[in-house]
C-alpha atoms as a PDB file:
ATOM      1  CA  MET A   1     -21.487   6.692 -18.493  1.00  0.00           C
ATOM      2  CA  LYS A   2     -19.208   6.671 -15.903  1.00  0.00           C
ATOM      3  CA  SER A   3     -18.651   9.765 -13.697  1.00  0.00           C
ATOM      4  CA  VAL A   4     -15.454  11.215 -13.110  1.00  0.00           C
ATOM      5  CA  PHE A   5     -14.601   8.904  -9.999  1.00  0.00           C
ATOM      6  CA  ASP A   6     -15.391   5.726 -12.033  1.00  0.00           C
ATOM      7  CA  SER A   7     -12.837   6.583 -14.571  1.00  0.00           C
ATOM      8  CA  GLN A   8     -10.047   7.500 -12.216  1.00  0.00           C
ATOM      9  CA  PHE A   9      -9.281   3.422 -11.675  1.00  0.00           C
ATOM     10  CA  GLN A  10     -11.034  -0.014 -12.158  1.00  0.00           C
ATOM     11  CA  HIS A  11     -12.003  -0.340  -8.829  1.00  0.00           C
ATOM     12  CA  GLN A  12     -14.391  -2.311  -6.004  1.00  0.00           C
ATOM     13  CA  PHE A  13     -15.392  -1.110  -3.089  1.00  0.00           C
ATOM     14  CA  LEU A  14     -17.200  -3.822  -0.435  1.00  0.00           C
ATOM     15  CA  ALA A  15     -18.437  -1.982   2.581  1.00  0.00           C
ATOM     16  CA  GLY A  16     -17.388  -3.391   6.164  1.00  0.00           C
ATOM     17  CA  ASN A  17     -19.926  -3.926   9.368  1.00  0.00           C
ATOM     18  CA  SER A  18     -17.555  -1.905  11.848  1.00  0.00           C
ATOM     19  CA  GLY A  19     -17.832   1.427  10.347  1.00  0.00           C
ATOM     20  CA  GLU A  20     -14.204   2.629  11.494  1.00  0.00           C
ATOM     21  CA  LYS A  21     -11.281   1.311   9.203  1.00  0.00           C
ATOM     22  CA  THR A  22     -10.937   1.350   5.480  1.00  0.00           C
ATOM     23  CA  VAL A  23      -8.732  -0.859   3.291  1.00  0.00           C
ATOM     24  CA  LEU A  24      -6.996   0.645   0.465  1.00  0.00           C
ATOM     25  CA  ALA A  25      -6.080  -2.446  -0.941  1.00  0.00           C
ATOM     26  CA  LEU A  26      -3.341  -2.332  -3.781  1.00  0.00           C
ATOM     27  CA  HIS A  27      -1.939  -5.576  -5.820  1.00  0.00           C
ATOM     28  CA  GLY A  28       1.114  -6.255  -6.951  1.00  0.00           C
ATOM     29  CA  THR A  29       2.521  -6.470 -10.804  1.00  0.00           C
ATOM     30  CA  GLY A  30      -0.243  -8.385 -12.602  1.00  0.00           C
ATOM     31  CA  GLY A  31      -2.878  -8.518 -10.275  1.00  0.00           C
ATOM     32  CA  THR A  32      -6.059  -7.084 -10.307  1.00  0.00           C
ATOM     33  CA  GLU A  33      -8.667  -5.421  -7.682  1.00  0.00           C
ATOM     34  CA  ARG A  34      -9.608  -8.969  -6.411  1.00  0.00           C
ATOM     35  CA  ASP A  35      -6.372  -9.894  -5.435  1.00  0.00           C
ATOM     36  CA  LEU A  36      -5.835  -8.584  -1.672  1.00  0.00           C
ATOM     37  CA  VAL A  37      -9.357  -8.605  -0.970  1.00  0.00           C
ATOM     38  CA  GLY A  38      -9.766 -11.670   0.815  1.00  0.00           C
ATOM     39  CA  LEU A  39      -6.920 -10.718   2.592  1.00  0.00           C
ATOM     40  CA  ALA A  40      -7.442  -7.322   4.157  1.00  0.00           C
ATOM     41  CA  GLN A  41     -10.777  -8.679   5.177  1.00  0.00           C
ATOM     42  CA  LYS A  42      -8.874 -11.527   7.235  1.00  0.00           C
ATOM     43  CA  LEU A  43      -6.190  -8.825   8.354  1.00  0.00           C
ATOM     44  CA  PHE A  44      -8.807  -6.236   9.071  1.00  0.00           C
ATOM     45  CA  PRO A  45     -12.056  -7.516  10.075  1.00  0.00           C
ATOM     46  CA  GLY A  46     -15.287  -5.800   9.759  1.00  0.00           C
ATOM     47  CA  ALA A  47     -13.206  -2.773   7.517  1.00  0.00           C
ATOM     48  CA  SER A  48     -14.318  -1.863   4.715  1.00  0.00           C
ATOM     49  CA  VAL A  49     -11.829  -2.651   1.280  1.00  0.00           C
ATOM     50  CA  LEU A  50     -11.460  -0.323  -1.538  1.00  0.00           C
ATOM     51  CA  ALA A  51      -9.708  -2.116  -3.931  1.00  0.00           C
ATOM     52  CA  PRO A  52      -8.298  -0.214  -7.577  1.00  0.00           C
ATOM     53  CA  ARG A  53      -6.574  -1.751 -10.427  1.00  0.00           C
ATOM     54  CA  GLY A  54      -3.211  -0.240 -11.633  1.00  0.00           C
ATOM     55  CA  ASN A  55      -3.756   2.206 -14.640  1.00  0.00           C
ATOM     56  CA  ILE A  56      -0.280   0.829 -15.998  1.00  0.00           C
ATOM     57  CA  SER A  57      -0.037  -1.509 -18.487  1.00  0.00           C
ATOM     58  CA  GLU A  58       3.397  -3.483 -18.729  1.00  0.00           C
ATOM     59  CA  ARG A  59       3.051  -5.786 -21.508  1.00  0.00           C
ATOM     60  CA  GLY A  60      -0.632  -6.364 -20.389  1.00  0.00           C
ATOM     61  CA  ALA A  61       0.357  -6.326 -17.057  1.00  0.00           C
ATOM     62  CA  ALA A  62      -1.119  -4.024 -14.845  1.00  0.00           C
ATOM     63  CA  ARG A  63       0.798  -1.996 -12.316  1.00  0.00           C
ATOM     64  CA  PHE A  64       0.368   1.176 -10.286  1.00  0.00           C
ATOM     65  CA  PHE A  65       3.508   3.163 -12.026  1.00  0.00           C
ATOM     66  CA  ALA A  66       5.947   2.449 -14.471  1.00  0.00           C
ATOM     67  CA  ARG A  67       9.600   1.172 -13.922  1.00  0.00           C
ATOM     68  CA  HIS A  68      12.748   1.246 -16.577  1.00  0.00           C
ATOM     69  CA  ALA A  69      13.601  -2.020 -15.441  1.00  0.00           C
ATOM     70  CA  GLU A  70      13.178  -4.315 -12.557  1.00  0.00           C
ATOM     71  CA  GLY A  71      13.750  -2.134  -9.059  1.00  0.00           C
ATOM     72  CA  VAL A  72      14.483   0.812 -11.360  1.00  0.00           C
ATOM     73  CA  PHE A  73      11.162   2.903 -11.151  1.00  0.00           C
ATOM     74  CA  ASP A  74      10.040   5.596 -13.237  1.00  0.00           C
ATOM     75  CA  LEU A  75      10.089   8.664 -10.852  1.00  0.00           C
ATOM     76  CA  GLU A  76       7.982  10.972 -13.074  1.00  0.00           C
ATOM     77  CA  SER A  77       5.355   8.232 -13.592  1.00  0.00           C
ATOM     78  CA  LEU A  78       5.456   7.375  -9.784  1.00  0.00           C
ATOM     79  CA  HIS A  79       4.872  10.488  -8.699  1.00  0.00           C
ATOM     80  CA  HIS A  80       2.230  11.420 -11.212  1.00  0.00           C
ATOM     81  CA  GLU A  81       0.238   8.000 -10.272  1.00  0.00           C
ATOM     82  CA  THR A  82       0.898   8.610  -6.909  1.00  0.00           C
ATOM     83  CA  ALA A  83      -1.049  12.015  -6.684  1.00  0.00           C
ATOM     84  CA  LYS A  84      -3.914  10.299  -9.027  1.00  0.00           C
ATOM     85  CA  LEU A  85      -4.166   7.792  -6.454  1.00  0.00           C
ATOM     86  CA  ALA A  86      -4.424  10.309  -3.516  1.00  0.00           C
ATOM     87  CA  SER A  87      -7.044  11.938  -5.327  1.00  0.00           C
ATOM     88  CA  PHE A  88      -8.957   8.690  -5.690  1.00  0.00           C
ATOM     89  CA  VAL A  89      -8.849   7.979  -2.071  1.00  0.00           C
ATOM     90  CA  GLU A  90      -9.946  11.127  -0.784  1.00  0.00           C
ATOM     91  CA  ASP A  91     -12.920  11.462  -4.039  1.00  0.00           C
ATOM     92  CA  ALA A  92     -13.839   7.500  -3.180  1.00  0.00           C
ATOM     93  CA  ALA A  93     -14.174   8.519   0.623  1.00  0.00           C
ATOM     94  CA  GLN A  94     -16.798  11.154  -0.712  1.00  0.00           C
ATOM     95  CA  ASN A  95     -18.314   8.713  -2.998  1.00  0.00           C
ATOM     96  CA  TYR A  96     -18.766   6.233  -0.595  1.00  0.00           C
ATOM     97  CA  GLY A  97     -18.660   7.741   2.904  1.00  0.00           C
ATOM     98  CA  PHE A  98     -15.902   6.164   4.509  1.00  0.00           C
ATOM     99  CA  ASP A  99     -14.297   8.211   7.401  1.00  0.00           C
ATOM    100  CA  ALA A 100     -10.938   9.554   5.356  1.00  0.00           C
ATOM    101  CA  ALA A 101      -8.881  10.078   8.437  1.00  0.00           C
ATOM    102  CA  ASN A 102      -9.060   6.029   9.169  1.00  0.00           C
ATOM    103  CA  VAL A 103      -7.765   4.722   5.717  1.00  0.00           C
ATOM    104  CA  TRP A 104      -4.880   1.507   5.790  1.00  0.00           C
ATOM    105  CA  ALA A 105      -3.161   0.802   3.014  1.00  0.00           C
ATOM    106  CA  LEU A 106      -2.335  -3.236   2.192  1.00  0.00           C
ATOM    107  CA  GLY A 107      -0.110  -3.363  -0.431  1.00  0.00           C
ATOM    108  CA  PHE A 108       1.855  -6.181  -1.690  1.00  0.00           C
ATOM    109  CA  SER A 109       5.402  -5.762  -4.193  1.00  0.00           C
ATOM    110  CA  ASN A 110       4.159  -2.826  -6.682  1.00  0.00           C
ATOM    111  CA  GLY A 111       1.239  -2.132  -4.569  1.00  0.00           C
ATOM    112  CA  ALA A 112       3.313  -1.778  -1.270  1.00  0.00           C
ATOM    113  CA  ASN A 113       6.035   0.338  -3.257  1.00  0.00           C
ATOM    114  CA  ILE A 114       2.998   2.791  -4.653  1.00  0.00           C
ATOM    115  CA  ALA A 115       1.711   2.896  -0.560  1.00  0.00           C
ATOM    116  CA  ALA A 116       5.105   4.018   0.821  1.00  0.00           C
ATOM    117  CA  SER A 117       4.845   6.489  -1.918  1.00  0.00           C
ATOM    118  CA  LEU A 118       1.469   7.707  -0.642  1.00  0.00           C
ATOM    119  CA  LEU A 119       3.149   8.176   3.122  1.00  0.00           C
ATOM    120  CA  LEU A 120       6.284  10.057   1.918  1.00  0.00           C
ATOM    121  CA  SER A 121       4.531  12.706  -0.428  1.00  0.00           C
ATOM    122  CA  HIS A 122       0.791  12.850   0.813  1.00  0.00           C
ATOM    123  CA  PRO A 123       1.095  11.187   4.136  1.00  0.00           C
ATOM    124  CA  HIS A 124      -2.499  12.465   5.087  1.00  0.00           C
ATOM    125  CA  VAL A 125      -4.018  10.128   2.821  1.00  0.00           C
ATOM    126  CA  LEU A 126      -3.293   7.052   5.088  1.00  0.00           C
ATOM    127  CA  LYS A 127      -3.530   6.671   8.721  1.00  0.00           C
ATOM    128  CA  GLY A 128      -1.144   3.364   8.876  1.00  0.00           C
ATOM    129  CA  ALA A 129      -0.112   0.776   5.929  1.00  0.00           C
ATOM    130  CA  VAL A 130       1.060  -2.783   5.818  1.00  0.00           C
ATOM    131  CA  LEU A 131       3.246  -3.391   3.141  1.00  0.00           C
ATOM    132  CA  LEU A 132       4.675  -6.731   1.915  1.00  0.00           C
ATOM    133  CA  ARG A 133       7.746  -6.914  -0.418  1.00  0.00           C
ATOM    134  CA  ALA A 134       7.584  -3.142  -0.306  1.00  0.00           C
ATOM    135  CA  MET A 135      11.087  -1.127  -1.807  1.00  0.00           C
ATOM    136  CA  THR A 136      12.239   2.303  -0.721  1.00  0.00           C
ATOM    137  CA  PRO A 137       9.824   4.397  -3.417  1.00  0.00           C
ATOM    138  CA  PHE A 138      12.050   7.112  -3.699  1.00  0.00           C
ATOM    139  CA  SER A 139      14.414   9.340  -1.073  1.00  0.00           C
ATOM    140  CA  PRO A 140      12.532  12.841  -0.408  1.00  0.00           C
ATOM    141  CA  GLU A 141      14.196  15.968  -0.484  1.00  0.00           C
ATOM    142  CA  ARG A 142      12.396  16.462   3.087  1.00  0.00           C
ATOM    143  CA  VAL A 143      10.932  13.785   5.256  1.00  0.00           C
ATOM    144  CA  PRO A 144       7.216  14.300   6.161  1.00  0.00           C
ATOM    145  CA  ASP A 145       5.754  14.508   9.495  1.00  0.00           C
ATOM    146  CA  LEU A 146       4.295  10.747   9.801  1.00  0.00           C
ATOM    147  CA  ARG A 147       3.746  10.894  13.702  1.00  0.00           C
ATOM    148  CA  GLY A 148       0.626   8.973  14.643  1.00  0.00           C
ATOM    149  CA  LYS A 149       0.950   6.454  12.116  1.00  0.00           C
ATOM    150  CA  SER A 150       1.834   2.809  12.359  1.00  0.00           C
ATOM    151  CA  VAL A 151       3.591   0.910   9.784  1.00  0.00           C
ATOM    152  CA  PHE A 152       3.863  -2.684   8.986  1.00  0.00           C
ATOM    153  CA  LEU A 153       7.152  -3.948   6.769  1.00  0.00           C
ATOM    154  CA  ALA A 154       6.810  -7.655   5.748  1.00  0.00           C
ATOM    155  CA  SER A 155      10.434  -8.515   3.765  1.00  0.00           C
ATOM    156  CA  GLY A 156      11.842 -11.750   2.558  1.00  0.00           C
ATOM    157  CA  GLN A 157      14.997 -12.757   3.848  1.00  0.00           C
ATOM    158  CA  TYR A 158      15.440 -15.092   0.651  1.00  0.00           C
ATOM    159  CA  ASP A 159      13.909 -12.395  -1.603  1.00  0.00           C
ATOM    160  CA  PRO A 160      15.338 -11.966  -5.174  1.00  0.00           C
ATOM    161  CA  ILE A 161      14.183  -8.640  -5.844  1.00  0.00           C
ATOM    162  CA  VAL A 162      14.402  -6.757  -2.553  1.00  0.00           C
ATOM    163  CA  GLU A 163      17.214  -6.532  -0.637  1.00  0.00           C
ATOM    164  CA  ILE A 164      16.751  -6.304   3.177  1.00  0.00           C
ATOM    165  CA  SER A 165      18.849  -3.904   3.395  1.00  0.00           C
ATOM    166  CA  ASP A 166      16.818  -1.626   1.056  1.00  0.00           C
ATOM    167  CA  VAL A 167      13.750  -2.164   3.268  1.00  0.00           C
ATOM    168  CA  ALA A 168      15.531  -1.337   6.330  1.00  0.00           C
ATOM    169  CA  GLY A 169      16.174   2.040   4.709  1.00  0.00           C
ATOM    170  CA  LEU A 170      12.868   2.293   4.048  1.00  0.00           C
ATOM    171  CA  ALA A 171      12.036   1.685   7.701  1.00  0.00           C
ATOM    172  CA  ASP A 172      14.548   4.041   8.875  1.00  0.00           C
ATOM    173  CA  LEU A 173      12.822   6.533   6.769  1.00  0.00           C
ATOM    174  CA  LEU A 174       9.941   6.245   8.144  1.00  0.00           C
ATOM    175  CA  ARG A 175      10.384   6.105  11.626  1.00  0.00           C
ATOM    176  CA  ASN A 176      12.494   9.488  10.807  1.00  0.00           C
ATOM    177  CA  GLY A 177       9.322  11.031  10.083  1.00  0.00           C
ATOM    178  CA  GLY A 178       7.962   9.798  13.445  1.00  0.00           C
ATOM    179  CA  ALA A 179       6.084   6.612  11.997  1.00  0.00           C
ATOM    180  CA  ASP A 180       5.558   3.688  14.515  1.00  0.00           C
ATOM    181  CA  VAL A 181       7.569   0.861  12.246  1.00  0.00           C
ATOM    182  CA  LYS A 182       8.015  -2.885  12.624  1.00  0.00           C
ATOM    183  CA  HIS A 183       9.949  -4.584  10.311  1.00  0.00           C
ATOM    184  CA  GLU A 184       9.627  -8.426  10.282  1.00  0.00           C
ATOM    185  CA  ILE A 185      11.933 -10.252   7.983  1.00  0.00           C
ATOM    186  CA  VAL A 186      10.844 -13.865   7.600  1.00  0.00           C
ATOM    187  CA  ALA A 187      12.010 -16.994   6.212  1.00  0.00           C
ATOM    188  CA  ALA A 188      10.588 -16.654   2.670  1.00  0.00           C
ATOM    189  CA  ASP A 189      11.364 -15.209  -1.090  1.00  0.00           C
ATOM    190  CA  HIS A 190       8.911 -12.853  -2.445  1.00  0.00           C
ATOM    191  CA  GLY A 191       5.758 -14.576  -1.778  1.00  0.00           C
ATOM    192  CA  LEU A 192       4.075 -14.788   1.295  1.00  0.00           C
ATOM    193  CA  VAL A 193       3.627 -17.305   4.219  1.00  0.00           C
ATOM    194  CA  GLY A 194       1.393 -18.252   6.131  1.00  0.00           C
ATOM    195  CA  HIS A 195       2.789 -17.870   9.611  1.00  0.00           C
ATOM    196  CA  GLU A 196       3.787 -13.673   8.532  1.00  0.00           C
ATOM    197  CA  ILE A 197      -0.571 -13.495   7.899  1.00  0.00           C
ATOM    198  CA  GLU A 198      -1.080 -14.483  11.778  1.00  0.00           C
ATOM    199  CA  THR A 199       2.064 -12.071  12.901  1.00  0.00           C
ATOM    200  CA  ILE A 200       0.640  -9.307  11.079  1.00  0.00           C
ATOM    201  CA  ALA A 201      -2.885 -10.030  12.347  1.00  0.00           C
ATOM    202  CA  GLU A 202      -1.896  -9.857  15.412  1.00  0.00           C
ATOM    203  CA  TRP A 203      -0.173  -6.631  15.013  1.00  0.00           C
ATOM    204  CA  VAL A 204      -3.006  -5.178  13.435  1.00  0.00           C
ATOM    205  CA  LYS A 205      -5.186  -5.940  16.342  1.00  0.00           C
ATOM    206  CA  ALA A 206      -3.045  -3.870  18.556  1.00  0.00           C
ATOM    207  CA  VAL A 207      -2.356  -0.769  16.790  1.00  0.00           C
END
């Protein structure tokens, strides 16, 4: 029988050998908990990886929250699912014994958006984040205190889904909260390209 914790999100946890960071790996629309594990291990060598699968089904494609249309988010779903994810990470830290104060999000697209939502509504959950092809999830009434947090935003110059101006707005929003933000724009569309992965890996080493 599944425990209450196991029922929150279908997920996998891979213990690292460094005993330091844990990476919350958050897939894009239609992905699974396996999608970003390899990338998480490459970017954060030795870190543990906690990889949940989104609970929302969009015509059979797993997502972390619902949307009304491309780029038009269901804010009620976003806030509800963000709160559930925050609780899941806290419970996972107790269940698996990792440091809840040293969790870094690695999110792609829909996963990056809910990671940004975590930063803006439950900032205590994350120490930092790598947000790949993120959008601004919502505009908070008050920007939370994000001092001491580091965020890498990776945007595609030719992304047909995410406008650079939107990501720049997200970067400004996070900086207004005191986060240390690096926004990298590469000659790519919504997919990732090899050289930006190397850039992110170097950034991770430095933070």
